Amino acid sequence: MQRLKSRNDFKRLSKCTQKVIGKYFIVVYMIDNMISEPYIGITVSKKVGNAVVRNRVKRRIRAFLREYVSPNSNINFICNIIALSSVINTEWSMFKKDLNNCIDKIFRIIETAKIPEIL
């Protein structure tokens, strides 16, 4: 798993219309066959809280991703996880469950897109 860092990558991804909306997150994603592993960006706006709160949310997202996303994943996509303001007082179990549902839904969509149609 690689991190999205450059502004150009985030701008390119923001033009994409594919997204999954959860209770605490919006995950915008794009399939890219030119990359060898998933690229993931994290966005936590000032609407969520002050710098301490935003950094805590980002650390929790990164901790989840270390557990969940396998480095040997053969699914090549780019995504941006956008935290909503409702994430502030969320327990870890609910946080993890919602983000897990969003990522699982993306994996299911990508896997079904890879299956060729039978005529």
PDB file of N, CA and C in Angstrom:
ATOM      1  N   MET A   1       0.840  -1.171   0.000  1.00  0.00           N
ATOM      2  CA  MET A   1       0.000   0.000   0.000  1.00  0.00           C
ATOM      3  C   MET A   1       0.887   1.236   0.000  1.00  0.00           C
ATOM      4  N   GLN A   2       0.605   2.142  -0.921  1.00  0.00           N
ATOM      5  CA  GLN A   2       1.325   3.403  -1.009  1.00  0.00           C
ATOM      6  C   GLN A   2       0.385   4.543  -0.625  1.00  0.00           C
ATOM      7  N   ARG A   3       0.966   5.650  -0.208  1.00  0.00           N
ATOM      8  CA  ARG A   3       0.152   6.810   0.155  1.00  0.00           C
ATOM      9  C   ARG A   3       0.117   7.809  -0.987  1.00  0.00           C
ATOM     10  N   LEU A   4      -1.047   8.390  -1.222  1.00  0.00           N
ATOM     11  CA  LEU A   4      -1.156   9.504  -2.163  1.00  0.00           C
ATOM     12  C   LEU A   4      -0.589  10.730  -1.476  1.00  0.00           C
ATOM     13  N   LYS A   5       0.295  11.440  -2.144  1.00  0.00           N
ATOM     14  CA  LYS A   5       0.915  12.594  -1.517  1.00  0.00           C
ATOM     15  C   LYS A   5       0.798  13.859  -2.360  1.00  0.00           C
ATOM     16  N   SER A   6       0.881  13.721  -3.665  1.00  0.00           N
ATOM     17  CA  SER A   6       0.944  14.920  -4.501  1.00  0.00           C
ATOM     18  C   SER A   6      -0.444  15.502  -4.771  1.00  0.00           C
ATOM     19  N   ARG A   7      -0.469  16.788  -4.899  1.00  0.00           N
ATOM     20  CA  ARG A   7      -1.712  17.509  -5.174  1.00  0.00           C
ATOM     21  C   ARG A   7      -2.324  17.063  -6.496  1.00  0.00           C
ATOM     22  N   ASN A   8      -1.475  16.782  -7.486  1.00  0.00           N
ATOM     23  CA  ASN A   8      -1.983  16.354  -8.795  1.00  0.00           C
ATOM     24  C   ASN A   8      -2.752  15.041  -8.701  1.00  0.00           C
ATOM     25  N   ASP A   9      -2.278  14.121  -7.860  1.00  0.00           N
ATOM     26  CA  ASP A   9      -2.984  12.848  -7.681  1.00  0.00           C
ATOM     27  C   ASP A   9      -4.348  13.064  -7.044  1.00  0.00           C
ATOM     28  N   PHE A  10      -4.400  13.929  -6.038  1.00  0.00           N
ATOM     29  CA  PHE A  10      -5.675  14.216  -5.389  1.00  0.00           C
ATOM     30  C   PHE A  10      -6.634  14.923  -6.349  1.00  0.00           C
ATOM     31  N   LYS A  11      -6.117  15.829  -7.175  1.00  0.00           N
ATOM     32  CA  LYS A  11      -6.969  16.536  -8.143  1.00  0.00           C
ATOM     33  C   LYS A  11      -7.507  15.571  -9.203  1.00  0.00           C
ATOM     34  N   ARG A  12      -6.640  14.668  -9.661  1.00  0.00           N
ATOM     35  CA  ARG A  12      -7.060  13.668 -10.652  1.00  0.00           C
ATOM     36  C   ARG A  12      -8.154  12.773 -10.079  1.00  0.00           C
ATOM     37  N   LEU A  13      -8.002  12.413  -8.837  1.00  0.00           N
ATOM     38  CA  LEU A  13      -8.978  11.553  -8.178  1.00  0.00           C
ATOM     39  C   LEU A  13     -10.277  12.291  -7.888  1.00  0.00           C
ATOM     40  N   SER A  14     -10.205  13.585  -7.626  1.00  0.00           N
ATOM     41  CA  SER A  14     -11.423  14.345  -7.318  1.00  0.00           C
ATOM     42  C   SER A  14     -12.357  14.456  -8.516  1.00  0.00           C
ATOM     43  N   LYS A  15     -11.823  14.297  -9.712  1.00  0.00           N
ATOM     44  CA  LYS A  15     -12.649  14.342 -10.924  1.00  0.00           C
ATOM     45  C   LYS A  15     -13.389  13.029 -11.157  1.00  0.00           C
ATOM     46  N   CYS A  16     -13.001  12.002 -10.433  1.00  0.00           N
ATOM     47  CA  CYS A  16     -13.620  10.690 -10.559  1.00  0.00           C
ATOM     48  C   CYS A  16     -14.989  10.687  -9.871  1.00  0.00           C
ATOM     49  N   THR A  17     -15.948  10.032 -10.471  1.00  0.00           N
ATOM     50  CA  THR A  17     -17.307  10.015  -9.921  1.00  0.00           C
ATOM     51  C   THR A  17     -17.622   8.740  -9.151  1.00  0.00           C
ATOM     52  N   GLN A  18     -16.701   7.805  -9.106  1.00  0.00           N
ATOM     53  CA  GLN A  18     -16.946   6.555  -8.389  1.00  0.00           C
ATOM     54  C   GLN A  18     -16.676   6.772  -6.913  1.00  0.00           C
ATOM     55  N   LYS A  19     -17.691   6.557  -6.090  1.00  0.00           N
ATOM     56  CA  LYS A  19     -17.499   6.722  -4.653  1.00  0.00           C
ATOM     57  C   LYS A  19     -18.422   5.821  -3.870  1.00  0.00           C
ATOM     58  N   VAL A  20     -17.996   5.544  -2.661  1.00  0.00           N
ATOM     59  CA  VAL A  20     -18.774   4.758  -1.718  1.00  0.00           C
ATOM     60  C   VAL A  20     -18.983   5.650  -0.506  1.00  0.00           C
ATOM     61  N   ILE A  21     -20.226   5.749  -0.064  1.00  0.00           N
ATOM     62  CA  ILE A  21     -20.552   6.624   1.053  1.00  0.00           C
ATOM     63  C   ILE A  21     -20.965   5.787   2.247  1.00  0.00           C
ATOM     64  N   GLY A  22     -20.282   6.002   3.361  1.00  0.00           N
ATOM     65  CA  GLY A  22     -20.600   5.337   4.608  1.00  0.00           C
ATOM     66  C   GLY A  22     -21.137   6.343   5.606  1.00  0.00           C
ATOM     67  N   LYS A  23     -21.311   5.902   6.825  1.00  0.00           N
ATOM     68  CA  LYS A  23     -21.830   6.777   7.869  1.00  0.00           C
ATOM     69  C   LYS A  23     -20.794   7.818   8.292  1.00  0.00           C
ATOM     70  N   TYR A  24     -19.521   7.426   8.313  1.00  0.00           N
ATOM     71  CA  TYR A  24     -18.456   8.308   8.776  1.00  0.00           C
ATOM     72  C   TYR A  24     -17.451   8.680   7.695  1.00  0.00           C
ATOM     73  N   PHE A  25     -17.530   8.051   6.516  1.00  0.00           N
ATOM     74  CA  PHE A  25     -16.531   8.261   5.474  1.00  0.00           C
ATOM     75  C   PHE A  25     -17.159   8.324   4.093  1.00  0.00           C
ATOM     76  N   ILE A  26     -16.478   9.024   3.204  1.00  0.00           N
ATOM     77  CA  ILE A  26     -16.735   8.955   1.771  1.00  0.00           C
ATOM     78  C   ILE A  26     -15.424   8.472   1.165  1.00  0.00           C
ATOM     79  N   VAL A  27     -15.488   7.435   0.368  1.00  0.00           N
ATOM     80  CA  VAL A  27     -14.287   6.895  -0.264  1.00  0.00           C
ATOM     81  C   VAL A  27     -14.441   7.050  -1.773  1.00  0.00           C
ATOM     82  N   VAL A  28     -13.609   7.920  -2.340  1.00  0.00           N
ATOM     83  CA  VAL A  28     -13.588   8.142  -3.785  1.00  0.00           C
ATOM     84  C   VAL A  28     -12.489   7.248  -4.338  1.00  0.00           C
ATOM     85  N   TYR A  29     -12.790   6.495  -5.397  1.00  0.00           N
ATOM     86  CA  TYR A  29     -11.801   5.549  -5.903  1.00  0.00           C
ATOM     87  C   TYR A  29     -11.790   5.513  -7.417  1.00  0.00           C
ATOM     88  N   MET A  30     -10.708   4.956  -7.942  1.00  0.00           N
ATOM     89  CA  MET A  30     -10.534   4.827  -9.379  1.00  0.00           C
ATOM     90  C   MET A  30      -9.671   3.598  -9.632  1.00  0.00           C
ATOM     91  N   ILE A  31     -10.048   2.785 -10.576  1.00  0.00           N
ATOM     92  CA  ILE A  31      -9.265   1.613 -10.952  1.00  0.00           C
ATOM     93  C   ILE A  31      -8.138   2.080 -11.870  1.00  0.00           C
ATOM     94  N   ASP A  32      -6.933   1.618 -11.601  1.00  0.00           N
ATOM     95  CA  ASP A  32      -5.771   1.999 -12.402  1.00  0.00           C
ATOM     96  C   ASP A  32      -4.905   0.768 -12.605  1.00  0.00           C
ATOM     97  N   ASN A  33      -4.864   0.260 -13.822  1.00  0.00           N
ATOM     98  CA  ASN A  33      -4.089  -0.948 -14.112  1.00  0.00           C
ATOM     99  C   ASN A  33      -2.606  -0.669 -14.303  1.00  0.00           C
ATOM    100  N   MET A  34      -2.209   0.605 -14.275  1.00  0.00           N
ATOM    101  CA  MET A  34      -0.811   0.966 -14.479  1.00  0.00           C
ATOM    102  C   MET A  34       0.004   0.885 -13.188  1.00  0.00           C
ATOM    103  N   ILE A  35      -0.653   0.708 -12.054  1.00  0.00           N
ATOM    104  CA  ILE A  35       0.060   0.653 -10.779  1.00  0.00           C
ATOM    105  C   ILE A  35       0.126  -0.788 -10.290  1.00  0.00           C
ATOM    106  N   SER A  36       1.083  -1.053  -9.407  1.00  0.00           N
ATOM    107  CA  SER A  36       1.273  -2.423  -8.940  1.00  0.00           C
ATOM    108  C   SER A  36       0.646  -2.699  -7.577  1.00  0.00           C
ATOM    109  N   GLU A  37       0.261  -1.663  -6.859  1.00  0.00           N
ATOM    110  CA  GLU A  37      -0.363  -1.843  -5.547  1.00  0.00           C
ATOM    111  C   GLU A  37      -1.304  -0.674  -5.282  1.00  0.00           C
ATOM    112  N   PRO A  38      -2.193  -0.813  -4.308  1.00  0.00           N
ATOM    113  CA  PRO A  38      -3.148   0.264  -4.028  1.00  0.00           C
ATOM    114  C   PRO A  38      -2.467   1.543  -3.537  1.00  0.00           C
ATOM    115  N   TYR A  39      -2.983   2.679  -3.987  1.00  0.00           N
ATOM    116  CA  TYR A  39      -2.558   3.985  -3.501  1.00  0.00           C
ATOM    117  C   TYR A  39      -3.735   4.578  -2.741  1.00  0.00           C
ATOM    118  N   ILE A  40      -3.478   5.023  -1.509  1.00  0.00           N
ATOM    119  CA  ILE A  40      -4.557   5.508  -0.660  1.00  0.00           C
ATOM    120  C   ILE A  40      -4.190   6.860  -0.072  1.00  0.00           C
ATOM    121  N   GLY A  41      -5.125   7.809  -0.184  1.00  0.00           N
ATOM    122  CA  GLY A  41      -4.955   9.125   0.404  1.00  0.00           C
ATOM    123  C   GLY A  41      -5.972   9.318   1.521  1.00  0.00           C
ATOM    124  N   ILE A  42      -5.665  10.217   2.430  1.00  0.00           N
ATOM    125  CA  ILE A  42      -6.551  10.489   3.560  1.00  0.00           C
ATOM    126  C   ILE A  42      -6.812  11.986   3.605  1.00  0.00           C
ATOM    127  N   THR A  43      -8.087  12.362   3.682  1.00  0.00           N
ATOM    128  CA  THR A  43      -8.461  13.763   3.786  1.00  0.00           C
ATOM    129  C   THR A  43      -9.337  13.945   5.019  1.00  0.00           C
ATOM    130  N   VAL A  44      -8.899  14.831   5.896  1.00  0.00           N
ATOM    131  CA  VAL A  44      -9.681  15.181   7.084  1.00  0.00           C
ATOM    132  C   VAL A  44      -9.713  16.708   7.128  1.00  0.00           C
ATOM    133  N   SER A  45     -10.864  17.290   6.870  1.00  0.00           N
ATOM    134  CA  SER A  45     -10.955  18.747   6.776  1.00  0.00           C
ATOM    135  C   SER A  45     -11.064  19.397   8.149  1.00  0.00           C
ATOM    136  N   LYS A  46     -10.982  20.710   8.158  1.00  0.00           N
ATOM    137  CA  LYS A  46     -11.084  21.467   9.415  1.00  0.00           C
ATOM    138  C   LYS A  46     -12.486  21.388  10.005  1.00  0.00           C
ATOM    139  N   LYS A  47     -13.459  20.960   9.228  1.00  0.00           N
ATOM    140  CA  LYS A  47     -14.820  20.793   9.740  1.00  0.00           C
ATOM    141  C   LYS A  47     -14.879  19.687  10.801  1.00  0.00           C
ATOM    142  N   VAL A  48     -13.930  18.762  10.727  1.00  0.00           N
ATOM    143  CA  VAL A  48     -13.906  17.643  11.676  1.00  0.00           C
ATOM    144  C   VAL A  48     -13.467  18.118  13.055  1.00  0.00           C
ATOM    145  N   GLY A  49     -12.530  19.050  13.113  1.00  0.00           N
ATOM    146  CA  GLY A  49     -12.067  19.548  14.403  1.00  0.00           C
ATOM    147  C   GLY A  49     -10.726  20.232  14.288  1.00  0.00           C
ATOM    148  N   ASN A  50     -10.119  20.483  15.428  1.00  0.00           N
ATOM    149  CA  ASN A  50      -8.813  21.142  15.417  1.00  0.00           C
ATOM    150  C   ASN A  50      -7.726  20.151  14.999  1.00  0.00           C
ATOM    151  N   ALA A  51      -6.480  20.611  14.987  1.00  0.00           N
ATOM    152  CA  ALA A  51      -5.376  19.793  14.488  1.00  0.00           C
ATOM    153  C   ALA A  51      -5.207  18.490  15.275  1.00  0.00           C
ATOM    154  N   VAL A  52      -5.414  18.540  16.572  1.00  0.00           N
ATOM    155  CA  VAL A  52      -5.268  17.348  17.399  1.00  0.00           C
ATOM    156  C   VAL A  52      -6.289  16.283  17.007  1.00  0.00           C
ATOM    157  N   VAL A  53      -7.522  16.709  16.822  1.00  0.00           N
ATOM    158  CA  VAL A  53      -8.598  15.780  16.438  1.00  0.00           C
ATOM    159  C   VAL A  53      -8.354  15.237  15.035  1.00  0.00           C
ATOM    160  N   ARG A  54      -7.986  16.102  14.103  1.00  0.00           N
ATOM    161  CA  ARG A  54      -7.740  15.657  12.718  1.00  0.00           C
ATOM    162  C   ARG A  54      -6.606  14.647  12.666  1.00  0.00           C
ATOM    163  N   ASN A  55      -5.535  14.898  13.398  1.00  0.00           N
ATOM    164  CA  ASN A  55      -4.412  13.959  13.406  1.00  0.00           C
ATOM    165  C   ASN A  55      -4.786  12.633  14.048  1.00  0.00           C
ATOM    166  N   ARG A  56      -5.621  12.661  15.076  1.00  0.00           N
ATOM    167  CA  ARG A  56      -6.087  11.418  15.706  1.00  0.00           C
ATOM    168  C   ARG A  56      -6.895  10.597  14.708  1.00  0.00           C
ATOM    169  N   VAL A  57      -7.770  11.257  13.950  1.00  0.00           N
ATOM    170  CA  VAL A  57      -8.575  10.552  12.948  1.00  0.00           C
ATOM    171  C   VAL A  57      -7.670   9.945  11.881  1.00  0.00           C
ATOM    172  N   LYS A  58      -6.673  10.692  11.416  1.00  0.00           N
ATOM    173  CA  LYS A  58      -5.755  10.169  10.401  1.00  0.00           C
ATOM    174  C   LYS A  58      -4.961   8.975  10.924  1.00  0.00           C
ATOM    175  N   ARG A  59      -4.532   9.044  12.171  1.00  0.00           N
ATOM    176  CA  ARG A  59      -3.798   7.908  12.763  1.00  0.00           C
ATOM    177  C   ARG A  59      -4.680   6.678  12.854  1.00  0.00           C
ATOM    178  N   ARG A  60      -5.946   6.874  13.195  1.00  0.00           N
ATOM    179  CA  ARG A  60      -6.869   5.737  13.292  1.00  0.00           C
ATOM    180  C   ARG A  60      -7.103   5.118  11.917  1.00  0.00           C
ATOM    181  N   ILE A  61      -7.224   5.961  10.898  1.00  0.00           N
ATOM    182  CA  ILE A  61      -7.416   5.442   9.533  1.00  0.00           C
ATOM    183  C   ILE A  61      -6.191   4.650   9.101  1.00  0.00           C
ATOM    184  N   ARG A  62      -5.001   5.196   9.345  1.00  0.00           N
ATOM    185  CA  ARG A  62      -3.772   4.483   8.973  1.00  0.00           C
ATOM    186  C   ARG A  62      -3.641   3.161   9.721  1.00  0.00           C
ATOM    187  N   ALA A  63      -4.024   3.146  11.001  1.00  0.00           N
ATOM    188  CA  ALA A  63      -3.974   1.905  11.785  1.00  0.00           C
ATOM    189  C   ALA A  63      -4.918   0.864  11.187  1.00  0.00           C
ATOM    190  N   PHE A  64      -6.104   1.290  10.796  1.00  0.00           N
ATOM    191  CA  PHE A  64      -7.045   0.366  10.160  1.00  0.00           C
ATOM    192  C   PHE A  64      -6.459  -0.176   8.864  1.00  0.00           C
ATOM    193  N   LEU A  65      -5.886   0.701   8.040  1.00  0.00           N
ATOM    194  CA  LEU A  65      -5.355   0.283   6.746  1.00  0.00           C
ATOM    195  C   LEU A  65      -4.193  -0.692   6.893  1.00  0.00           C
ATOM    196  N   ARG A  66      -3.373  -0.515   7.911  1.00  0.00           N
ATOM    197  CA  ARG A  66      -2.264  -1.465   8.144  1.00  0.00           C
ATOM    198  C   ARG A  66      -2.805  -2.857   8.430  1.00  0.00           C
ATOM    199  N   GLU A  67      -3.910  -2.935   9.151  1.00  0.00           N
ATOM    200  CA  GLU A  67      -4.523  -4.233   9.455  1.00  0.00           C
ATOM    201  C   GLU A  67      -5.234  -4.813   8.241  1.00  0.00           C
ATOM    202  N   TYR A  68      -5.890  -3.961   7.480  1.00  0.00           N
ATOM    203  CA  TYR A  68      -6.853  -4.437   6.490  1.00  0.00           C
ATOM    204  C   TYR A  68      -6.265  -4.657   5.106  1.00  0.00           C
ATOM    205  N   VAL A  69      -5.545  -3.688   4.578  1.00  0.00           N
ATOM    206  CA  VAL A  69      -5.091  -3.764   3.188  1.00  0.00           C
ATOM    207  C   VAL A  69      -3.794  -4.554   3.126  1.00  0.00           C
ATOM    208  N   SER A  70      -3.836  -5.649   2.403  1.00  0.00           N
ATOM    209  CA  SER A  70      -2.672  -6.513   2.249  1.00  0.00           C
ATOM    210  C   SER A  70      -1.674  -5.879   1.287  1.00  0.00           C
ATOM    211  N   PRO A  71      -0.386  -5.918   1.607  1.00  0.00           N
ATOM    212  CA  PRO A  71       0.609  -5.351   0.686  1.00  0.00           C
ATOM    213  C   PRO A  71       0.719  -6.137  -0.613  1.00  0.00           C
ATOM    214  N   ASN A  72       0.289  -7.387  -0.602  1.00  0.00           N
ATOM    215  CA  ASN A  72       0.354  -8.222  -1.802  1.00  0.00           C
ATOM    216  C   ASN A  72      -0.975  -8.256  -2.548  1.00  0.00           C
ATOM    217  N   SER A  73      -1.827  -7.282  -2.296  1.00  0.00           N
ATOM    218  CA  SER A  73      -3.134  -7.247  -2.934  1.00  0.00           C
ATOM    219  C   SER A  73      -2.977  -7.087  -4.442  1.00  0.00           C
ATOM    220  N   ASN A  74      -3.719  -7.883  -5.193  1.00  0.00           N
ATOM    221  CA  ASN A  74      -3.647  -7.794  -6.647  1.00  0.00           C
ATOM    222  C   ASN A  74      -4.693  -6.843  -7.210  1.00  0.00           C
ATOM    223  N   ILE A  75      -5.406  -6.159  -6.343  1.00  0.00           N
ATOM    224  CA  ILE A  75      -6.401  -5.187  -6.781  1.00  0.00           C
ATOM    225  C   ILE A  75      -5.715  -3.831  -6.845  1.00  0.00           C
ATOM    226  N   ASN A  76      -5.656  -3.276  -8.049  1.00  0.00           N
ATOM    227  CA  ASN A  76      -4.951  -2.023  -8.260  1.00  0.00           C
ATOM    228  C   ASN A  76      -5.941  -0.881  -8.363  1.00  0.00           C
ATOM    229  N   PHE A  77      -5.966  -0.041  -7.351  1.00  0.00           N
ATOM    230  CA  PHE A  77      -6.863   1.097  -7.354  1.00  0.00           C
ATOM    231  C   PHE A  77      -6.230   2.252  -6.605  1.00  0.00           C
ATOM    232  N   ILE A  78      -6.774   3.419  -6.851  1.00  0.00           N
ATOM    233  CA  ILE A  78      -6.370   4.626  -6.150  1.00  0.00           C
ATOM    234  C   ILE A  78      -7.607   5.111  -5.415  1.00  0.00           C
ATOM    235  N   CYS A  79      -7.480   5.450  -4.152  1.00  0.00           N
ATOM    236  CA  CYS A  79      -8.643   5.949  -3.426  1.00  0.00           C
ATOM    237  C   CYS A  79      -8.259   7.046  -2.451  1.00  0.00           C
ATOM    238  N   ASN A  80      -9.247   7.856  -2.121  1.00  0.00           N
ATOM    239  CA  ASN A  80      -9.098   8.903  -1.126  1.00  0.00           C
ATOM    240  C   ASN A  80     -10.184   8.697  -0.090  1.00  0.00           C
ATOM    241  N   ILE A  81      -9.780   8.529   1.152  1.00  0.00           N
ATOM    242  CA  ILE A  81     -10.729   8.349   2.245  1.00  0.00           C
ATOM    243  C   ILE A  81     -10.972   9.719   2.861  1.00  0.00           C
ATOM    244  N   ILE A  82     -12.208  10.183   2.784  1.00  0.00           N
ATOM    245  CA  ILE A  82     -12.581  11.493   3.299  1.00  0.00           C
ATOM    246  C   ILE A  82     -13.394  11.281   4.569  1.00  0.00           C
ATOM    247  N   ALA A  83     -12.899  11.807   5.677  1.00  0.00           N
ATOM    248  CA  ALA A  83     -13.588  11.656   6.958  1.00  0.00           C
ATOM    249  C   ALA A  83     -14.670  12.721   7.081  1.00  0.00           C
ATOM    250  N   LEU A  84     -15.846  12.314   7.522  1.00  0.00           N
ATOM    251  CA  LEU A  84     -16.941  13.245   7.758  1.00  0.00           C
ATOM    252  C   LEU A  84     -16.896  13.732   9.208  1.00  0.00           C
ATOM    253  N   SER A  85     -17.570  14.813   9.486  1.00  0.00           N
ATOM    254  CA  SER A  85     -17.511  15.396  10.833  1.00  0.00           C
ATOM    255  C   SER A  85     -18.135  14.489  11.894  1.00  0.00           C
ATOM    256  N   SER A  86     -18.959  13.534  11.488  1.00  0.00           N
ATOM    257  CA  SER A  86     -19.596  12.625  12.444  1.00  0.00           C
ATOM    258  C   SER A  86     -18.614  11.602  13.024  1.00  0.00           C
ATOM    259  N   VAL A  87     -17.377  11.575  12.530  1.00  0.00           N
ATOM    260  CA  VAL A  87     -16.387  10.591  12.968  1.00  0.00           C
ATOM    261  C   VAL A  87     -15.743  10.958  14.305  1.00  0.00           C
ATOM    262  N   ILE A  88     -15.929  12.170  14.783  1.00  0.00           N
ATOM    263  CA  ILE A  88     -15.215  12.683  15.955  1.00  0.00           C
ATOM    264  C   ILE A  88     -15.371  11.803  17.189  1.00  0.00           C
ATOM    265  N   ASN A  89     -16.576  11.538  17.611  1.00  0.00           N
ATOM    266  CA  ASN A  89     -16.808  10.806  18.863  1.00  0.00           C
ATOM    267  C   ASN A  89     -17.166   9.342  18.642  1.00  0.00           C
ATOM    268  N   THR A  90     -16.651   8.771  17.583  1.00  0.00           N
ATOM    269  CA  THR A  90     -16.978   7.399  17.234  1.00  0.00           C
ATOM    270  C   THR A  90     -16.067   6.410  17.956  1.00  0.00           C
ATOM    271  N   GLU A  91     -16.663   5.340  18.443  1.00  0.00           N
ATOM    272  CA  GLU A  91     -15.871   4.266  19.048  1.00  0.00           C
ATOM    273  C   GLU A  91     -15.089   3.543  17.963  1.00  0.00           C
ATOM    274  N   TRP A  92     -13.986   2.922  18.359  1.00  0.00           N
ATOM    275  CA  TRP A  92     -13.114   2.229  17.409  1.00  0.00           C
ATOM    276  C   TRP A  92     -13.868   1.137  16.648  1.00  0.00           C
ATOM    277  N   SER A  93     -14.744   0.406  17.313  1.00  0.00           N
ATOM    278  CA  SER A  93     -15.451  -0.690  16.644  1.00  0.00           C
ATOM    279  C   SER A  93     -16.372  -0.164  15.534  1.00  0.00           C
ATOM    280  N   MET A  94     -17.066   0.930  15.786  1.00  0.00           N
ATOM    281  CA  MET A  94     -17.945   1.507  14.767  1.00  0.00           C
ATOM    282  C   MET A  94     -17.135   2.139  13.638  1.00  0.00           C
ATOM    283  N   PHE A  95     -16.053   2.791  13.998  1.00  0.00           N
ATOM    284  CA  PHE A  95     -15.128   3.401  13.040  1.00  0.00           C
ATOM    285  C   PHE A  95     -14.618   2.331  12.077  1.00  0.00           C
ATOM    286  N   LYS A  96     -14.128   1.253  12.670  1.00  0.00           N
ATOM    287  CA  LYS A  96     -13.550   0.145  11.909  1.00  0.00           C
ATOM    288  C   LYS A  96     -14.604  -0.540  11.032  1.00  0.00           C
ATOM    289  N   LYS A  97     -15.790  -0.736  11.579  1.00  0.00           N
ATOM    290  CA  LYS A  97     -16.864  -1.408  10.844  1.00  0.00           C
ATOM    291  C   LYS A  97     -17.276  -0.601   9.612  1.00  0.00           C
ATOM    292  N   ASP A  98     -17.436   0.718   9.766  1.00  0.00           N
ATOM    293  CA  ASP A  98     -17.862   1.548   8.648  1.00  0.00           C
ATOM    294  C   ASP A  98     -16.797   1.614   7.558  1.00  0.00           C
ATOM    295  N   LEU A  99     -15.550   1.805   7.947  1.00  0.00           N
ATOM    296  CA  LEU A  99     -14.472   1.859   6.966  1.00  0.00           C
ATOM    297  C   LEU A  99     -14.281   0.502   6.295  1.00  0.00           C
ATOM    298  N   ASN A 100     -14.430  -0.568   7.046  1.00  0.00           N
ATOM    299  CA  ASN A 100     -14.346  -1.925   6.498  1.00  0.00           C
ATOM    300  C   ASN A 100     -15.437  -2.152   5.454  1.00  0.00           C
ATOM    301  N   ASN A 101     -16.661  -1.710   5.751  1.00  0.00           N
ATOM    302  CA  ASN A 101     -17.761  -1.855   4.792  1.00  0.00           C
ATOM    303  C   ASN A 101     -17.482  -1.087   3.508  1.00  0.00           C
ATOM    304  N   CYS A 102     -16.943   0.122   3.631  1.00  0.00           N
ATOM    305  CA  CYS A 102     -16.638   0.933   2.445  1.00  0.00           C
ATOM    306  C   CYS A 102     -15.568   0.269   1.574  1.00  0.00           C
ATOM    307  N   ILE A 103     -14.487  -0.187   2.192  1.00  0.00           N
ATOM    308  CA  ILE A 103     -13.398  -0.812   1.437  1.00  0.00           C
ATOM    309  C   ILE A 103     -13.864  -2.141   0.832  1.00  0.00           C
ATOM    310  N   ASP A 104     -14.627  -2.936   1.584  1.00  0.00           N
ATOM    311  CA  ASP A 104     -15.161  -4.189   1.055  1.00  0.00           C
ATOM    312  C   ASP A 104     -16.040  -3.951  -0.163  1.00  0.00           C
ATOM    313  N   LYS A 105     -16.851  -2.919  -0.095  1.00  0.00           N
ATOM    314  CA  LYS A 105     -17.735  -2.612  -1.222  1.00  0.00           C
ATOM    315  C   LYS A 105     -16.916  -2.254  -2.464  1.00  0.00           C
ATOM    316  N   ILE A 106     -15.843  -1.511  -2.276  1.00  0.00           N
ATOM    317  CA  ILE A 106     -14.966  -1.178  -3.410  1.00  0.00           C
ATOM    318  C   ILE A 106     -14.345  -2.443  -3.984  1.00  0.00           C
ATOM    319  N   PHE A 107     -13.838  -3.328  -3.124  1.00  0.00           N
ATOM    320  CA  PHE A 107     -13.250  -4.582  -3.601  1.00  0.00           C
ATOM    321  C   PHE A 107     -14.269  -5.414  -4.374  1.00  0.00           C
ATOM    322  N   ARG A 108     -15.506  -5.487  -3.876  1.00  0.00           N
ATOM    323  CA  ARG A 108     -16.548  -6.250  -4.587  1.00  0.00           C
ATOM    324  C   ARG A 108     -16.830  -5.636  -5.951  1.00  0.00           C
ATOM    325  N   ILE A 109     -16.911  -4.327  -6.026  1.00  0.00           N
ATOM    326  CA  ILE A 109     -17.185  -3.647  -7.299  1.00  0.00           C
ATOM    327  C   ILE A 109     -16.049  -3.905  -8.284  1.00  0.00           C
ATOM    328  N   ILE A 110     -14.811  -3.800  -7.813  1.00  0.00           N
ATOM    329  CA  ILE A 110     -13.656  -4.015  -8.693  1.00  0.00           C
ATOM    330  C   ILE A 110     -13.589  -5.464  -9.146  1.00  0.00           C
ATOM    331  N   GLU A 111     -13.844  -6.409  -8.253  1.00  0.00           N
ATOM    332  CA  GLU A 111     -13.805  -7.827  -8.617  1.00  0.00           C
ATOM    333  C   GLU A 111     -14.881  -8.169  -9.646  1.00  0.00           C
ATOM    334  N   THR A 112     -16.077  -7.622  -9.495  1.00  0.00           N
ATOM    335  CA  THR A 112     -17.139  -7.903 -10.477  1.00  0.00           C
ATOM    336  C   THR A 112     -16.833  -7.248 -11.808  1.00  0.00           C
ATOM    337  N   ALA A 113     -16.105  -6.145 -11.810  1.00  0.00           N
ATOM    338  CA  ALA A 113     -15.733  -5.494 -13.059  1.00  0.00           C
ATOM    339  C   ALA A 113     -14.701  -6.311 -13.826  1.00  0.00           C
ATOM    340  N   LYS A 114     -13.903  -7.136 -13.119  1.00  0.00           N
ATOM    341  CA  LYS A 114     -12.876  -7.948 -13.769  1.00  0.00           C
ATOM    342  C   LYS A 114     -13.446  -9.193 -14.429  1.00  0.00           C
ATOM    343  N   ILE A 115     -14.642  -9.618 -14.032  1.00  0.00           N
ATOM    344  CA  ILE A 115     -15.236 -10.832 -14.578  1.00  0.00           C
ATOM    345  C   ILE A 115     -15.745 -10.548 -15.993  1.00  0.00           C
ATOM    346  N   PRO A 116     -15.242 -11.266 -16.983  1.00  0.00           N
ATOM    347  CA  PRO A 116     -15.699 -11.017 -18.352  1.00  0.00           C
ATOM    348  C   PRO A 116     -17.139 -11.508 -18.549  1.00  0.00           C
ATOM    349  N   GLU A 117     -17.845 -10.805 -19.389  1.00  0.00           N
ATOM    350  CA  GLU A 117     -19.227 -11.194 -19.667  1.00  0.00           C
ATOM    351  C   GLU A 117     -19.256 -12.376 -20.626  1.00  0.00           C
ATOM    352  N   ILE A 118     -20.177 -13.285 -20.380  1.00  0.00           N
ATOM    353  CA  ILE A 118     -20.343 -14.451 -21.235  1.00  0.00           C
ATOM    354  C   ILE A 118     -21.492 -14.143 -22.204  1.00  0.00           C
ATOM    355  N   LEU A 119     -21.193 -14.275 -23.470  1.00  0.00           N
ATOM    356  CA  LEU A 119     -22.225 -13.965 -24.477  1.00  0.00           C
ATOM    357  C   LEU A 119     -23.125 -15.134 -24.745  1.00  0.00           C
TER     358      LEU A 119
END
